[in-house]
Each structure stands twice: as structure tokens, then as C-alpha cells.
Amino acid sequence: MTDSANIDYASIFQHAPVGMCVSQHRVMHACNTALTQMFGYAEGALAGLSFSVLYPSHTEFERTGARIIPIMNAKGCYSDERIMKRADGQLFWCHVSGRALVANDPHAAGIWTFEDLSEKRPVTAALTPREREIAAMLVEGKTSKLIARQIGLSPRTVEMHRAKLMRKFTVSTASELIHRLLGVLR
């Protein structure tokens, strides 16, 4: 066994096989190599920047930030799959997990991990910010009613967005849409 006093935690963080960062008030303060490479930034370039640079739009950054607060307040952690943006503007599916480090103030400080899902789930259609948000929730298995409740829309509006997604992905059933979003169908 290794003496815990000799473990180099900074090196472990830096060389972890998944993207990791420590944040305060949605600003990245420490990012590892995997995170900067995944998003296409130079080593150290993300430190001090808002998470908003990793989102396809500022609206999605704001909506996601608001959506995670009640979940993190209840559970202390949050996880989802969403479309993110690389430095060159390329969109990709990413699994994001985080843990609040300050109870009842999820944005005060946190540790976040990011896993690139682009090989398993390519982004194959140009989607609006709202369509990306709804697509991410559909992938989680949420119903139109639940999505509507969580993002403050009517179930009918969510159904209209789902119909637009089905047209964009040229599918005729909800299960085909989910498979397409998951990258099962090409």
C-alpha cells in the first residue's frame, strides 16, 4: 500500500482520464489536461473563464445554471448529457457531472467532470438552443409533461419542438428519435 502522505493529488487531478475542473460561481479555476484538450483550448487557457465559453449559447448556459440549482440543493450533485461547444465552434455531446462543495449554494464552489460522447453520439443536425435542451431531456427518458414542467413551457410547446426534432432527424417515431439522438441510427 502507498502511504497516503506520499500521494500527489495535484498530479492525479492533472492526469485524470476525464476532463475535470474546480469552479467558483460558474468560473473555472483549475482545469486538467483532459478538459482543455477535449474542448480544444491550450493548457491553462480555461482558468479564470466562465463556463459559458463551453456552451453553444449564453441562453443555454443560463438555463442550465438555473435548472441545476434545485437538484443540487436537494442532492448535492448533478449529472446530465448535453451538447457542448469546442473552442473551434464544433458541437458535441458531453456527459457532465458535478458536486457542490458548499451546501445550499451550488454555484459557490464545485468539482465537475466532463466526458466526450462524440464517438458514440455525433451531433448530426443543426438544432436551436431550445431543441438542444429538449433533446438532452428526451435522451434522459423524460416525458413531454415533465420537460414542460422543468423548463417552464406548455406540454404542447414541447411536443411541437419534439415534432421539429423528428423532422430534422427524418424519423417517424419517438423511439427512432431517441435512437438517433443517442447515435444508434445514422
Protein backbone atom coordinates (compact mmCIF):
# COMPACT_ATOMS: atom_id res chain seq x y z
CA MET A 1 0.00 0.00 0.00
CA THR A 2 1.11 3.52 -0.73
CA ASP A 3 1.44 5.89 2.18
CA SER A 4 -1.37 8.45 1.72
CA ALA A 5 1.04 11.21 2.72
CA ASN A 6 3.03 10.49 -0.47
CA ILE A 7 0.10 10.65 -2.89
CA ASP A 8 0.42 13.58 -5.30
CA TYR A 9 -3.23 14.65 -5.61
CA ALA A 10 -2.38 17.56 -7.92
CA SER A 11 -0.75 15.14 -10.37
CA ILE A 12 -3.74 12.78 -10.14
CA PHE A 13 -6.11 15.67 -10.93
CA GLN A 14 -3.97 16.92 -13.80
CA HIS A 15 -3.62 13.49 -15.46
CA ALA A 16 -7.10 12.06 -14.80
CA PRO A 17 -8.55 10.30 -17.86
CA VAL A 18 -11.68 12.51 -17.84
CA GLY A 19 -11.99 16.27 -18.05
CA MET A 20 -12.11 17.84 -14.59
CA CYS A 21 -12.33 21.33 -13.17
CA VAL A 22 -12.89 23.16 -9.92
CA SER A 23 -15.21 26.14 -10.14
CA GLN A 24 -16.41 29.09 -8.12
CA HIS A 25 -19.55 30.97 -9.14
CA ARG A 26 -19.51 29.22 -12.54
CA VAL A 27 -15.95 30.31 -13.29
CA MET A 28 -13.34 27.61 -13.91
CA HIS A 29 -10.37 28.00 -11.57
CA ALA A 30 -8.42 24.78 -12.09
CA CYS A 31 -8.78 22.58 -15.20
CA ASN A 32 -6.93 19.40 -16.04
CA THR A 33 -5.26 18.44 -19.31
CA ALA A 34 -8.12 16.20 -20.45
CA LEU A 35 -10.62 19.06 -20.16
CA THR A 36 -8.55 21.58 -22.10
CA GLN A 37 -7.81 19.02 -24.81
CA MET A 38 -11.45 17.89 -25.04
CA PHE A 39 -12.63 21.46 -25.61
CA GLY A 40 -9.67 22.40 -27.85
CA TYR A 41 -8.04 25.01 -25.64
CA ALA A 42 -4.37 25.50 -24.81
CA GLU A 43 -3.18 24.27 -21.43
CA GLY A 44 -4.26 26.78 -18.77
CA ALA A 45 -6.43 28.83 -21.15
CA LEU A 46 -9.72 27.98 -19.39
CA ALA A 47 -8.61 29.04 -15.92
CA GLY A 48 -10.49 32.19 -14.95
CA LEU A 49 -13.10 31.85 -17.70
CA SER A 50 -16.83 31.39 -17.24
CA PHE A 51 -18.33 28.01 -18.09
CA SER A 52 -20.35 29.96 -20.68
CA VAL A 53 -17.48 29.56 -23.21
CA LEU A 54 -18.21 25.82 -23.25
CA TYR A 55 -21.91 26.22 -24.15
CA PRO A 56 -23.36 26.63 -27.66
CA SER A 57 -25.16 29.80 -26.50
CA HIS A 58 -25.36 32.10 -23.50
CA THR A 59 -29.06 31.22 -23.18
CA GLU A 60 -28.20 27.53 -22.71
CA PHE A 61 -25.58 28.47 -20.11
CA GLU A 62 -28.18 30.48 -18.17
CA ARG A 63 -30.95 27.86 -18.44
CA THR A 64 -28.67 25.03 -17.36
CA GLY A 65 -27.40 27.06 -14.40
CA ALA A 66 -30.97 27.73 -13.25
CA ARG A 67 -32.07 24.11 -13.82
CA ILE A 68 -29.32 22.56 -11.70
CA ILE A 69 -29.86 24.71 -8.58
CA PRO A 70 -32.88 22.85 -7.11
CA ILE A 71 -31.38 19.46 -7.99
CA MET A 72 -28.01 20.25 -6.41
CA ASN A 73 -29.70 21.79 -3.37
CA ALA A 74 -31.63 18.54 -2.89
CA LYS A 75 -28.91 16.04 -3.79
CA GLY A 76 -25.62 17.93 -3.60
CA CYS A 77 -24.72 16.64 -7.06
CA TYR A 78 -25.92 16.86 -10.66
CA SER A 79 -25.39 14.85 -13.84
CA ASP A 80 -26.69 15.06 -17.40
CA GLU A 81 -25.78 14.68 -21.05
CA ARG A 82 -25.85 17.83 -23.13
CA ILE A 83 -24.46 19.39 -26.27
CA MET A 84 -21.37 21.49 -25.56
CA LYS A 85 -19.09 23.62 -27.79
CA ARG A 86 -15.38 23.28 -28.52
CA ALA A 87 -13.08 26.29 -28.99
CA ASP A 88 -13.44 25.95 -32.79
CA GLY A 89 -17.25 26.08 -32.53
CA GLN A 90 -17.80 22.35 -33.13
CA LEU A 91 -20.75 20.99 -31.14
CA PHE A 92 -20.55 17.63 -29.37
CA TRP A 93 -22.46 15.53 -26.84
CA CYS A 94 -20.87 15.57 -23.40
CA HIS A 95 -21.67 13.79 -20.11
CA VAL A 96 -21.30 16.34 -17.30
CA SER A 97 -21.31 15.53 -13.57
CA GLY A 98 -20.76 17.88 -10.68
CA ARG A 99 -20.77 18.09 -6.92
CA ALA A 100 -21.36 21.22 -4.88
CA LEU A 101 -18.68 21.95 -2.31
CA VAL A 102 -20.86 24.44 -0.39
CA ALA A 103 -24.19 23.18 0.97
CA ASN A 104 -27.24 25.08 -0.32
CA ASP A 105 -25.16 27.24 -2.68
CA PRO A 106 -24.43 25.01 -5.69
CA HIS A 107 -22.67 27.68 -7.72
CA ALA A 108 -20.42 28.90 -4.87
CA ALA A 109 -17.84 26.13 -5.45
CA GLY A 110 -17.90 22.77 -7.19
CA ILE A 111 -15.96 19.97 -8.79
CA TRP A 112 -17.03 18.96 -12.31
CA THR A 113 -16.19 16.13 -14.68
CA PHE A 114 -16.73 16.03 -18.45
CA GLU A 115 -16.75 13.01 -20.76
CA ASP A 116 -16.74 13.44 -24.54
CA LEU A 117 -19.51 11.28 -26.07
CA SER A 118 -18.94 12.36 -29.68
CA GLU A 119 -17.66 8.98 -30.88
CA LYS A 120 -20.77 7.23 -29.56
CA ARG A 121 -23.21 10.08 -30.26
CA PRO A 122 -22.39 12.51 -33.05
CA VAL A 123 -24.31 15.76 -33.46
CA THR A 124 -25.93 15.22 -36.84
CA ALA A 125 -28.43 18.07 -37.21
CA ALA A 126 -28.39 21.82 -36.71
CA LEU A 127 -30.53 22.44 -33.64
CA THR A 128 -31.75 25.59 -31.93
CA PRO A 129 -30.78 26.13 -28.29
CA ARG A 130 -34.29 25.09 -27.16
CA GLU A 131 -34.17 21.96 -29.35
CA ARG A 132 -30.79 21.03 -27.83
CA GLU A 133 -32.23 21.47 -24.35
CA ILE A 134 -35.27 19.34 -25.12
CA ALA A 135 -33.15 16.71 -26.94
CA ALA A 136 -30.95 16.35 -23.86
CA MET A 137 -34.01 15.78 -21.67
CA LEU A 138 -35.53 13.31 -24.14
CA VAL A 139 -32.30 11.30 -24.02
CA GLU A 140 -32.72 11.14 -20.24
CA GLY A 141 -36.11 9.49 -20.83
CA LYS A 142 -38.22 12.43 -19.67
CA THR A 143 -41.79 12.83 -20.90
CA SER A 144 -43.07 15.97 -22.60
CA LYS A 145 -45.05 16.84 -19.47
CA LEU A 146 -42.00 16.54 -17.23
CA ILE A 147 -39.83 18.51 -19.67
CA ALA A 148 -42.50 21.22 -19.86
CA ARG A 149 -42.66 21.47 -16.08
CA GLN A 150 -38.87 21.62 -15.70
CA ILE A 151 -38.26 24.31 -18.31
CA GLY A 152 -41.45 26.34 -17.92
CA LEU A 153 -43.17 25.56 -21.21
CA SER A 154 -46.55 24.04 -22.02
CA PRO A 155 -46.58 20.32 -22.90
CA ARG A 156 -47.96 21.31 -26.33
CA THR A 157 -44.93 23.55 -26.98
CA VAL A 158 -42.59 20.71 -26.02
CA GLU A 159 -44.49 18.42 -28.40
CA MET A 160 -44.04 20.99 -31.18
CA HIS A 161 -40.27 21.02 -30.53
CA ARG A 162 -40.23 17.21 -30.50
CA ALA A 163 -42.02 17.21 -33.88
CA LYS A 164 -39.40 19.61 -35.28
CA LEU A 165 -36.65 17.32 -33.98
CA MET A 166 -38.32 14.35 -35.68
CA ARG A 167 -38.39 16.23 -38.99
CA LYS A 168 -34.76 17.32 -38.66
CA PHE A 169 -33.64 13.77 -37.92
CA THR A 170 -36.01 12.33 -40.56
CA VAL A 171 -37.62 9.84 -38.20
CA SER A 172 -41.26 8.90 -37.80
CA THR A 173 -41.47 7.66 -34.19
CA ALA A 174 -40.37 8.91 -30.79
CA SER A 175 -38.22 5.82 -30.24
CA GLU A 176 -36.43 6.40 -33.57
CA LEU A 177 -35.77 9.97 -32.46
CA ILE A 178 -34.24 8.80 -29.18
CA HIS A 179 -32.10 6.25 -31.05
CA ARG A 180 -30.96 8.95 -33.47
CA LEU A 181 -30.13 11.32 -30.61
CA LEU A 182 -28.19 8.54 -28.92
CA GLY A 183 -26.27 7.92 -32.15
CA VAL A 184 -27.70 4.42 -32.60
CA LEU A 185 -29.17 5.24 -36.02
CA ARG A 186 -27.16 7.15 -38.58
